[in-house]
């Protein structure tokens, strides 16, 4: 019994260290190579794939739907994938026509591929998945939107101290939402929820405390890693503020990823928050 418990404790400690090493390597590469935000995100694609296959030793499909069916034309509906790829395709064409940087071009291509992954996840929705999606939006998205709205109000009041009227750009918000949903199946959310969160906390784990306490602590741990991950691509003055935001929002993304086993749940909630941020004119 004692040997089994010691082995279990060694297992979760090892997994947490592996998660730290994964994110640390990503941060180090972004800092040393002075990568742009888009290229930094794109670097996560091969890193996440390697982590999933070599460290977690799980199939790629499990990043999108936990223990989901094999990828095939039956499980990836073209009727879902094609509409999800329209906005990323538009961004790809616009980037090519305008001669924009390679980072934007590759980001759009990744989002097009992500449309297939998003279609796969949508195809696995059940009644309870929709319920978890609603709860995730009502918690993570609501908190995130309130925080970005407060930041936008503060920024606007500094420029116009006599009166502030937030005028969100609805079209920018919709465009961002339709781009981010498939993109998050290839970048950021797929790494922090699909790979890292799944690695540090297995269903039912408690390790000497209740499963609930361990679940909360592990979700906060993932959220802290998520906040620190932004270090190479955000102003240093905002990193503490960003950490607070991620710790407020991230645990709910982890919670409903764990319950639903479907990345569309935290992915949509994350994309919705970021699209509101963009609509309010805040710099990503």
C-alpha atoms as a PDB file:
ATOM      1  CA  UNK A   1       0.000   0.000   0.000  1.00  0.00           C
ATOM      2  CA  UNK A   2       2.813   2.397   0.947  1.00  0.00           C
ATOM      3  CA  UNK A   3       4.760   1.486  -2.193  1.00  0.00           C
ATOM      4  CA  UNK A   4       1.694   2.088  -4.355  1.00  0.00           C
ATOM      5  CA  UNK A   5       1.063   5.516  -2.796  1.00  0.00           C
ATOM      6  CA  UNK A   6       4.730   6.508  -3.153  1.00  0.00           C
ATOM      7  CA  UNK A   7       4.642   5.446  -6.789  1.00  0.00           C
ATOM      8  CA  UNK A   8       1.473   7.482  -7.338  1.00  0.00           C
ATOM      9  CA  UNK A   9       3.008  10.572  -5.751  1.00  0.00           C
ATOM     10  CA  UNK A  10       6.175  10.177  -7.814  1.00  0.00           C
ATOM     11  CA  UNK A  11       3.961   9.913 -10.894  1.00  0.00           C
ATOM     12  CA  UNK A  12       2.137  13.205 -10.454  1.00  0.00           C
ATOM     13  CA  UNK A  13       5.305  15.037  -9.413  1.00  0.00           C
ATOM     14  CA  UNK A  14       7.026  13.787 -12.544  1.00  0.00           C
ATOM     15  CA  UNK A  15       4.090  14.861 -14.705  1.00  0.00           C
ATOM     16  CA  UNK A  16       4.028  18.366 -13.191  1.00  0.00           C
ATOM     17  CA  UNK A  17       7.785  18.703 -13.794  1.00  0.00           C
ATOM     18  CA  UNK A  18       7.302  17.575 -17.396  1.00  0.00           C
ATOM     19  CA  UNK A  19       4.610  20.231 -17.858  1.00  0.00           C
ATOM     20  CA  UNK A  20       6.917  22.912 -16.427  1.00  0.00           C
ATOM     21  CA  UNK A  21       9.735  21.755 -18.694  1.00  0.00           C
ATOM     22  CA  UNK A  22       7.435  21.835 -21.734  1.00  0.00           C
ATOM     23  CA  UNK A  23       6.266  25.397 -21.078  1.00  0.00           C
ATOM     24  CA  UNK A  24       9.764  26.486 -20.015  1.00  0.00           C
ATOM     25  CA  UNK A  25      11.230  25.243 -23.303  1.00  0.00           C
ATOM     26  CA  UNK A  26       8.525  27.110 -25.228  1.00  0.00           C
ATOM     27  CA  UNK A  27       9.153  30.351 -23.283  1.00  0.00           C
ATOM     28  CA  UNK A  28      12.921  30.030 -23.685  1.00  0.00           C
ATOM     29  CA  UNK A  29      12.635  29.539 -27.443  1.00  0.00           C
ATOM     30  CA  UNK A  30      10.310  32.522 -27.778  1.00  0.00           C
ATOM     31  CA  UNK A  31      12.611  34.762 -25.733  1.00  0.00           C
ATOM     32  CA  UNK A  32      15.945  33.674 -27.225  1.00  0.00           C
ATOM     33  CA  UNK A  33      14.720  33.753 -30.826  1.00  0.00           C
ATOM     34  CA  UNK A  34      12.718  36.967 -30.299  1.00  0.00           C
ATOM     35  CA  UNK A  35       9.701  35.450 -32.036  1.00  0.00           C
ATOM     36  CA  UNK A  36       6.647  37.434 -33.071  1.00  0.00           C
ATOM     37  CA  UNK A  37       3.364  36.554 -31.363  1.00  0.00           C
ATOM     38  CA  UNK A  38       2.073  34.521 -34.304  1.00  0.00           C
ATOM     39  CA  UNK A  39       5.310  32.582 -34.803  1.00  0.00           C
ATOM     40  CA  UNK A  40       5.451  31.955 -31.040  1.00  0.00           C
ATOM     41  CA  UNK A  41       1.966  30.461 -31.216  1.00  0.00           C
ATOM     42  CA  UNK A  42       2.892  28.388 -34.259  1.00  0.00           C
ATOM     43  CA  UNK A  43       5.947  26.988 -32.477  1.00  0.00           C
ATOM     44  CA  UNK A  44       3.501  25.362 -30.076  1.00  0.00           C
ATOM     45  CA  UNK A  45       2.132  23.081 -32.801  1.00  0.00           C
ATOM     46  CA  UNK A  46       5.191  20.815 -33.133  1.00  0.00           C
ATOM     47  CA  UNK A  47       5.970  21.156 -29.423  1.00  0.00           C
ATOM     48  CA  UNK A  48       2.452  20.102 -28.426  1.00  0.00           C
ATOM     49  CA  UNK A  49       2.450  17.215 -30.909  1.00  0.00           C
ATOM     50  CA  UNK A  50       5.803  15.988 -29.566  1.00  0.00           C
ATOM     51  CA  UNK A  51       4.610  16.309 -25.961  1.00  0.00           C
ATOM     52  CA  UNK A  52       1.423  14.393 -26.737  1.00  0.00           C
ATOM     53  CA  UNK A  53       3.115  11.568 -28.637  1.00  0.00           C
ATOM     54  CA  UNK A  54       6.426  11.209 -26.808  1.00  0.00           C
ATOM     55  CA  UNK A  55       5.664  12.296 -23.227  1.00  0.00           C
ATOM     56  CA  UNK A  56       1.965  11.575 -22.770  1.00  0.00           C
ATOM     57  CA  UNK A  57       2.051   8.728 -25.305  1.00  0.00           C
ATOM     58  CA  UNK A  58      -1.483   9.457 -26.398  1.00  0.00           C
ATOM     59  CA  UNK A  59      -2.890   9.899 -29.929  1.00  0.00           C
ATOM     60  CA  UNK A  60      -3.277  13.396 -31.365  1.00  0.00           C
ATOM     61  CA  UNK A  61      -7.064  13.033 -31.557  1.00  0.00           C
ATOM     62  CA  UNK A  62      -7.199  12.936 -27.750  1.00  0.00           C
ATOM     63  CA  UNK A  63      -6.085  16.568 -27.715  1.00  0.00           C
ATOM     64  CA  UNK A  64      -9.469  17.445 -29.200  1.00  0.00           C
ATOM     65  CA  UNK A  65     -11.811  14.794 -27.809  1.00  0.00           C
ATOM     66  CA  UNK A  66     -10.702  12.702 -24.853  1.00  0.00           C
ATOM     67  CA  UNK A  67     -10.823   9.020 -25.826  1.00  0.00           C
ATOM     68  CA  UNK A  68     -12.642  10.016 -28.999  1.00  0.00           C
ATOM     69  CA  UNK A  69     -13.217   7.798 -32.042  1.00  0.00           C
ATOM     70  CA  UNK A  70     -10.595   7.447 -34.747  1.00  0.00           C
ATOM     71  CA  UNK A  71     -10.325  10.277 -37.250  1.00  0.00           C
ATOM     72  CA  UNK A  72     -12.170   9.494 -40.469  1.00  0.00           C
ATOM     73  CA  UNK A  73     -14.650  11.000 -42.928  1.00  0.00           C
ATOM     74  CA  UNK A  74     -17.380   9.694 -40.639  1.00  0.00           C
ATOM     75  CA  UNK A  75     -16.058  11.552 -37.600  1.00  0.00           C
ATOM     76  CA  UNK A  76     -14.849  14.703 -39.407  1.00  0.00           C
ATOM     77  CA  UNK A  77     -17.854  16.116 -41.242  1.00  0.00           C
ATOM     78  CA  UNK A  78     -17.037  18.241 -44.296  1.00  0.00           C
ATOM     79  CA  UNK A  79     -20.352  20.016 -43.749  1.00  0.00           C
ATOM     80  CA  UNK A  80     -18.930  21.325 -40.484  1.00  0.00           C
ATOM     81  CA  UNK A  81     -15.289  21.696 -41.519  1.00  0.00           C
ATOM     82  CA  UNK A  82     -15.888  23.774 -44.651  1.00  0.00           C
ATOM     83  CA  UNK A  83     -17.908  26.570 -42.955  1.00  0.00           C
ATOM     84  CA  UNK A  84     -15.355  26.672 -40.119  1.00  0.00           C
ATOM     85  CA  UNK A  85     -12.550  27.103 -42.671  1.00  0.00           C
ATOM     86  CA  UNK A  86     -14.139  30.037 -44.558  1.00  0.00           C
ATOM     87  CA  UNK A  87     -12.849  32.883 -42.369  1.00  0.00           C
ATOM     88  CA  UNK A  88      -9.328  31.394 -41.995  1.00  0.00           C
ATOM     89  CA  UNK A  89      -9.242  30.953 -45.788  1.00  0.00           C
ATOM     90  CA  UNK A  90     -10.247  34.601 -46.228  1.00  0.00           C
ATOM     91  CA  UNK A  91      -7.404  35.644 -43.902  1.00  0.00           C
ATOM     92  CA  UNK A  92      -4.970  33.465 -45.843  1.00  0.00           C
ATOM     93  CA  UNK A  93      -5.937  35.030 -49.165  1.00  0.00           C
ATOM     94  CA  UNK A  94      -5.850  38.547 -47.680  1.00  0.00           C
ATOM     95  CA  UNK A  95      -2.392  37.924 -46.203  1.00  0.00           C
ATOM     96  CA  UNK A  96      -1.060  36.642 -49.525  1.00  0.00           C
ATOM     97  CA  UNK A  97      -2.563  39.513 -51.532  1.00  0.00           C
ATOM     98  CA  UNK A  98      -1.280  42.161 -49.119  1.00  0.00           C
ATOM     99  CA  UNK A  99       2.118  40.528 -48.851  1.00  0.00           C
ATOM    100  CA  UNK A 100       1.880  40.243 -45.078  1.00  0.00           C
ATOM    101  CA  UNK A 101       4.439  38.401 -42.995  1.00  0.00           C
ATOM    102  CA  UNK A 102       4.924  34.662 -43.055  1.00  0.00           C
ATOM    103  CA  UNK A 103       3.614  34.458 -39.489  1.00  0.00           C
ATOM    104  CA  UNK A 104       0.126  35.621 -40.515  1.00  0.00           C
ATOM    105  CA  UNK A 105       0.119  33.294 -43.527  1.00  0.00           C
ATOM    106  CA  UNK A 106       1.090  30.244 -41.480  1.00  0.00           C
ATOM    107  CA  UNK A 107      -1.382  31.207 -38.736  1.00  0.00           C
ATOM    108  CA  UNK A 108      -4.216  31.217 -41.300  1.00  0.00           C
ATOM    109  CA  UNK A 109      -3.089  27.854 -42.703  1.00  0.00           C
ATOM    110  CA  UNK A 110      -3.000  26.395 -39.189  1.00  0.00           C
ATOM    111  CA  UNK A 111      -6.538  27.688 -38.575  1.00  0.00           C
ATOM    112  CA  UNK A 112      -7.726  26.033 -41.807  1.00  0.00           C
ATOM    113  CA  UNK A 113      -6.330  22.716 -40.578  1.00  0.00           C
ATOM    114  CA  UNK A 114      -7.879  23.439 -37.190  1.00  0.00           C
ATOM    115  CA  UNK A 115     -11.286  23.685 -38.857  1.00  0.00           C
ATOM    116  CA  UNK A 116     -11.125  19.926 -39.414  1.00  0.00           C
ATOM    117  CA  UNK A 117     -10.238  19.342 -35.764  1.00  0.00           C
ATOM    118  CA  UNK A 118     -13.058  21.647 -34.662  1.00  0.00           C
ATOM    119  CA  UNK A 119     -15.488  19.760 -36.902  1.00  0.00           C
ATOM    120  CA  UNK A 120     -14.318  16.500 -35.318  1.00  0.00           C
ATOM    121  CA  UNK A 121     -15.015  17.905 -31.841  1.00  0.00           C
ATOM    122  CA  UNK A 122     -18.427  19.268 -32.831  1.00  0.00           C
ATOM    123  CA  UNK A 123     -19.346  15.895 -34.279  1.00  0.00           C
ATOM    124  CA  UNK A 124     -18.884  14.342 -30.831  1.00  0.00           C
ATOM    125  CA  UNK A 125     -21.261  16.744 -29.043  1.00  0.00           C
ATOM    126  CA  UNK A 126     -23.913  15.237 -26.798  1.00  0.00           C
ATOM    127  CA  UNK A 127     -26.655  16.874 -24.778  1.00  0.00           C
ATOM    128  CA  UNK A 128     -24.396  17.152 -21.720  1.00  0.00           C
ATOM    129  CA  UNK A 129     -21.604  18.663 -23.872  1.00  0.00           C
ATOM    130  CA  UNK A 130     -23.919  21.546 -24.772  1.00  0.00           C
ATOM    131  CA  UNK A 131     -24.696  22.000 -21.075  1.00  0.00           C
ATOM    132  CA  UNK A 132     -20.987  22.147 -20.216  1.00  0.00           C
ATOM    133  CA  UNK A 133     -20.438  24.636 -23.048  1.00  0.00           C
ATOM    134  CA  UNK A 134     -23.123  26.893 -21.607  1.00  0.00           C
ATOM    135  CA  UNK A 135     -21.636  26.654 -18.115  1.00  0.00           C
ATOM    136  CA  UNK A 136     -18.135  27.361 -19.413  1.00  0.00           C
ATOM    137  CA  UNK A 137     -19.344  30.478 -21.232  1.00  0.00           C
ATOM    138  CA  UNK A 138     -21.315  31.568 -18.138  1.00  0.00           C
ATOM    139  CA  UNK A 139     -18.178  31.332 -15.978  1.00  0.00           C
ATOM    140  CA  UNK A 140     -14.888  31.594 -17.895  1.00  0.00           C
ATOM    141  CA  UNK A 141     -16.182  33.792 -20.735  1.00  0.00           C
ATOM    142  CA  UNK A 142     -18.213  36.044 -18.450  1.00  0.00           C
ATOM    143  CA  UNK A 143     -15.278  36.629 -16.097  1.00  0.00           C
ATOM    144  CA  UNK A 144     -12.927  37.194 -19.025  1.00  0.00           C
ATOM    145  CA  UNK A 145     -15.322  39.614 -20.753  1.00  0.00           C
ATOM    146  CA  UNK A 146     -15.838  41.623 -17.564  1.00  0.00           C
ATOM    147  CA  UNK A 147     -12.069  41.869 -17.100  1.00  0.00           C
ATOM    148  CA  UNK A 148     -11.391  42.982 -20.689  1.00  0.00           C
ATOM    149  CA  UNK A 149     -14.309  45.426 -20.582  1.00  0.00           C
ATOM    150  CA  UNK A 150     -12.892  46.908 -17.383  1.00  0.00           C
ATOM    151  CA  UNK A 151      -9.451  47.194 -18.992  1.00  0.00           C
ATOM    152  CA  UNK A 152     -10.960  48.840 -22.087  1.00  0.00           C
ATOM    153  CA  UNK A 153     -12.901  51.308 -19.938  1.00  0.00           C
ATOM    154  CA  UNK A 154      -9.767  52.176 -17.956  1.00  0.00           C
ATOM    155  CA  UNK A 155      -7.739  52.662 -21.143  1.00  0.00           C
ATOM    156  CA  UNK A 156     -10.427  54.816 -22.738  1.00  0.00           C
ATOM    157  CA  UNK A 157     -10.907  56.926 -19.599  1.00  0.00           C
ATOM    158  CA  UNK A 158      -7.193  57.760 -19.604  1.00  0.00           C
ATOM    159  CA  UNK A 159      -7.577  59.215 -23.107  1.00  0.00           C
ATOM    160  CA  UNK A 160     -10.994  60.828 -22.578  1.00  0.00           C
ATOM    161  CA  UNK A 161     -11.273  61.623 -18.872  1.00  0.00           C
ATOM    162  CA  UNK A 162     -14.451  63.707 -19.281  1.00  0.00           C
ATOM    163  CA  UNK A 163     -16.567  60.909 -20.644  1.00  0.00           C
ATOM    164  CA  UNK A 164     -16.131  57.432 -21.997  1.00  0.00           C
ATOM    165  CA  UNK A 165     -18.406  55.511 -24.335  1.00  0.00           C
ATOM    166  CA  UNK A 166     -17.213  52.067 -25.333  1.00  0.00           C
ATOM    167  CA  UNK A 167     -18.149  51.374 -28.939  1.00  0.00           C
ATOM    168  CA  UNK A 168     -17.284  47.802 -29.769  1.00  0.00           C
ATOM    169  CA  UNK A 169     -16.590  46.952 -33.383  1.00  0.00           C
ATOM    170  CA  UNK A 170     -19.046  44.086 -33.834  1.00  0.00           C
ATOM    171  CA  UNK A 171     -17.660  42.985 -37.192  1.00  0.00           C
ATOM    172  CA  UNK A 172     -14.131  42.752 -35.788  1.00  0.00           C
ATOM    173  CA  UNK A 173     -15.491  40.677 -32.935  1.00  0.00           C
ATOM    174  CA  UNK A 174     -17.325  38.235 -35.219  1.00  0.00           C
ATOM    175  CA  UNK A 175     -14.328  37.939 -37.545  1.00  0.00           C
ATOM    176  CA  UNK A 176     -12.031  37.211 -34.585  1.00  0.00           C
ATOM    177  CA  UNK A 177     -14.420  34.625 -33.146  1.00  0.00           C
ATOM    178  CA  UNK A 178     -14.683  32.715 -36.424  1.00  0.00           C
ATOM    179  CA  UNK A 179     -10.905  32.789 -36.850  1.00  0.00           C
ATOM    180  CA  UNK A 180     -10.005  31.889 -33.271  1.00  0.00           C
ATOM    181  CA  UNK A 181     -12.351  28.916 -32.881  1.00  0.00           C
ATOM    182  CA  UNK A 182     -10.495  26.714 -35.406  1.00  0.00           C
ATOM    183  CA  UNK A 183      -7.116  28.283 -34.578  1.00  0.00           C
ATOM    184  CA  UNK A 184      -7.364  27.261 -30.921  1.00  0.00           C
ATOM    185  CA  UNK A 185      -7.606  23.626 -31.999  1.00  0.00           C
ATOM    186  CA  UNK A 186      -4.036  23.950 -33.266  1.00  0.00           C
ATOM    187  CA  UNK A 187      -2.558  26.556 -30.906  1.00  0.00           C
ATOM    188  CA  UNK A 188      -2.683  27.633 -27.248  1.00  0.00           C
ATOM    189  CA  UNK A 189      -5.898  26.022 -25.983  1.00  0.00           C
ATOM    190  CA  UNK A 190      -4.983  22.648 -27.440  1.00  0.00           C
ATOM    191  CA  UNK A 191      -1.657  22.861 -25.577  1.00  0.00           C
ATOM    192  CA  UNK A 192      -2.858  24.098 -22.196  1.00  0.00           C
ATOM    193  CA  UNK A 193      -6.114  22.191 -21.899  1.00  0.00           C
ATOM    194  CA  UNK A 194      -5.798  19.328 -24.376  1.00  0.00           C
ATOM    195  CA  UNK A 195      -2.211  18.364 -23.497  1.00  0.00           C
ATOM    196  CA  UNK A 196      -0.958  19.943 -20.253  1.00  0.00           C
ATOM    197  CA  UNK A 197      -4.154  19.854 -18.212  1.00  0.00           C
ATOM    198  CA  UNK A 198      -4.804  16.255 -19.259  1.00  0.00           C
ATOM    199  CA  UNK A 199      -1.263  15.350 -18.244  1.00  0.00           C
ATOM    200  CA  UNK A 200      -1.116  16.919 -14.788  1.00  0.00           C
ATOM    201  CA  UNK A 201      -4.509  15.722 -13.617  1.00  0.00           C
ATOM    202  CA  UNK A 202      -5.962  12.314 -14.400  1.00  0.00           C
ATOM    203  CA  UNK A 203      -9.637  11.585 -13.599  1.00  0.00           C
ATOM    204  CA  UNK A 204     -10.213  10.879  -9.893  1.00  0.00           C
ATOM    205  CA  UNK A 205      -6.705  11.775  -8.699  1.00  0.00           C
ATOM    206  CA  UNK A 206      -6.412  12.976  -5.117  1.00  0.00           C
ATOM    207  CA  UNK A 207      -2.908  12.111  -3.843  1.00  0.00           C
ATOM    208  CA  UNK A 208      -3.631  12.322  -0.135  1.00  0.00           C
ATOM    209  CA  UNK A 209      -6.308  15.021  -0.423  1.00  0.00           C
ATOM    210  CA  UNK A 210      -9.763  14.976  -1.960  1.00  0.00           C
ATOM    211  CA  UNK A 211     -10.088  14.747  -5.707  1.00  0.00           C
ATOM    212  CA  UNK A 212     -11.820  18.150  -5.634  1.00  0.00           C
ATOM    213  CA  UNK A 213      -8.935  19.892  -3.855  1.00  0.00           C
ATOM    214  CA  UNK A 214      -6.364  18.282  -6.112  1.00  0.00           C
ATOM    215  CA  UNK A 215      -8.475  19.257  -9.099  1.00  0.00           C
ATOM    216  CA  UNK A 216      -8.585  22.922  -8.045  1.00  0.00           C
ATOM    217  CA  UNK A 217      -4.866  23.077  -7.267  1.00  0.00           C
ATOM    218  CA  UNK A 218      -3.920  21.409 -10.551  1.00  0.00           C
ATOM    219  CA  UNK A 219      -6.218  23.752 -12.522  1.00  0.00           C
ATOM    220  CA  UNK A 220      -4.599  26.785 -10.888  1.00  0.00           C
ATOM    221  CA  UNK A 221      -1.182  25.305 -11.654  1.00  0.00           C
ATOM    222  CA  UNK A 222      -2.069  25.002 -15.358  1.00  0.00           C
ATOM    223  CA  UNK A 223      -3.448  28.565 -15.336  1.00  0.00           C
ATOM    224  CA  UNK A 224      -0.221  29.926 -13.825  1.00  0.00           C
ATOM    225  CA  UNK A 225       1.778  28.164 -16.550  1.00  0.00           C
ATOM    226  CA  UNK A 226      -0.597  29.672 -19.106  1.00  0.00           C
ATOM    227  CA  UNK A 227      -0.045  33.161 -17.716  1.00  0.00           C
ATOM    228  CA  UNK A 228       3.747  32.787 -17.578  1.00  0.00           C
ATOM    229  CA  UNK A 229       3.727  31.419 -21.135  1.00  0.00           C
ATOM    230  CA  UNK A 230       2.753  34.906 -22.392  1.00  0.00           C
ATOM    231  CA  UNK A 231       6.012  36.406 -21.096  1.00  0.00           C
ATOM    232  CA  UNK A 232       7.862  36.598 -24.467  1.00  0.00           C
ATOM    233  CA  UNK A 233       4.954  38.263 -26.314  1.00  0.00           C
ATOM    234  CA  UNK A 234       3.464  40.795 -23.857  1.00  0.00           C
ATOM    235  CA  UNK A 235       4.922  43.917 -22.205  1.00  0.00           C
ATOM    236  CA  UNK A 236       6.670  42.983 -18.971  1.00  0.00           C
ATOM    237  CA  UNK A 237       4.670  45.604 -17.082  1.00  0.00           C
ATOM    238  CA  UNK A 238       1.460  43.659 -17.750  1.00  0.00           C
ATOM    239  CA  UNK A 239       2.626  40.140 -16.897  1.00  0.00           C
ATOM    240  CA  UNK A 240       1.357  40.238 -13.297  1.00  0.00           C
ATOM    241  CA  UNK A 241      -2.012  41.592 -14.420  1.00  0.00           C
ATOM    242  CA  UNK A 242      -2.162  38.880 -17.060  1.00  0.00           C
ATOM    243  CA  UNK A 243      -1.350  36.188 -14.497  1.00  0.00           C
ATOM    244  CA  UNK A 244      -4.251  37.348 -12.335  1.00  0.00           C
ATOM    245  CA  UNK A 245      -6.567  37.228 -15.352  1.00  0.00           C
ATOM    246  CA  UNK A 246      -5.475  33.729 -16.366  1.00  0.00           C
ATOM    247  CA  UNK A 247      -5.838  32.396 -12.827  1.00  0.00           C
ATOM    248  CA  UNK A 248      -9.358  33.862 -12.691  1.00  0.00           C
ATOM    249  CA  UNK A 249     -10.424  32.379 -16.032  1.00  0.00           C
ATOM    250  CA  UNK A 250      -8.224  29.310 -16.554  1.00  0.00           C
ATOM    251  CA  UNK A 251      -9.550  27.006 -13.806  1.00  0.00           C
ATOM    252  CA  UNK A 252     -13.041  27.139 -15.326  1.00  0.00           C
ATOM    253  CA  UNK A 253     -11.629  26.278 -18.756  1.00  0.00           C
ATOM    254  CA  UNK A 254      -9.856  23.302 -17.169  1.00  0.00           C
ATOM    255  CA  UNK A 255     -12.925  22.266 -15.183  1.00  0.00           C
ATOM    256  CA  UNK A 256     -15.227  22.071 -18.179  1.00  0.00           C
ATOM    257  CA  UNK A 257     -12.576  20.493 -20.393  1.00  0.00           C
ATOM    258  CA  UNK A 258     -12.255  17.752 -17.782  1.00  0.00           C
ATOM    259  CA  UNK A 259     -15.995  17.255 -17.493  1.00  0.00           C
ATOM    260  CA  UNK A 260     -16.818  17.402 -21.186  1.00  0.00           C
ATOM    261  CA  UNK A 261     -13.692  15.841 -22.666  1.00  0.00           C
ATOM    262  CA  UNK A 262     -14.307  18.048 -25.702  1.00  0.00           C
ATOM    263  CA  UNK A 263     -11.941  20.909 -26.568  1.00  0.00           C
ATOM    264  CA  UNK A 264     -14.724  22.897 -28.233  1.00  0.00           C
ATOM    265  CA  UNK A 265     -16.062  23.679 -24.751  1.00  0.00           C
ATOM    266  CA  UNK A 266     -13.046  25.632 -23.402  1.00  0.00           C
ATOM    267  CA  UNK A 267     -11.988  26.584 -26.932  1.00  0.00           C
ATOM    268  CA  UNK A 268     -15.233  28.414 -27.712  1.00  0.00           C
ATOM    269  CA  UNK A 269     -15.252  30.139 -24.309  1.00  0.00           C
ATOM    270  CA  UNK A 270     -11.646  31.261 -24.818  1.00  0.00           C
ATOM    271  CA  UNK A 271     -12.323  32.447 -28.384  1.00  0.00           C
ATOM    272  CA  UNK A 272     -15.401  34.380 -27.267  1.00  0.00           C
ATOM    273  CA  UNK A 273     -13.445  36.302 -24.626  1.00  0.00           C
ATOM    274  CA  UNK A 274     -10.638  37.149 -27.034  1.00  0.00           C
ATOM    275  CA  UNK A 275     -13.071  38.240 -29.741  1.00  0.00           C
ATOM    276  CA  UNK A 276     -14.753  40.666 -27.320  1.00  0.00           C
ATOM    277  CA  UNK A 277     -11.290  41.983 -26.421  1.00  0.00           C
ATOM    278  CA  UNK A 278     -10.579  42.612 -30.102  1.00  0.00           C
ATOM    279  CA  UNK A 279     -13.982  44.194 -30.633  1.00  0.00           C
ATOM    280  CA  UNK A 280     -13.189  46.645 -27.839  1.00  0.00           C
ATOM    281  CA  UNK A 281      -9.936  47.583 -29.531  1.00  0.00           C
ATOM    282  CA  UNK A 282      -7.541  46.171 -26.983  1.00  0.00           C
ATOM    283  CA  UNK A 283      -4.173  44.979 -28.295  1.00  0.00           C
ATOM    284  CA  UNK A 284      -4.027  41.119 -28.256  1.00  0.00           C
END
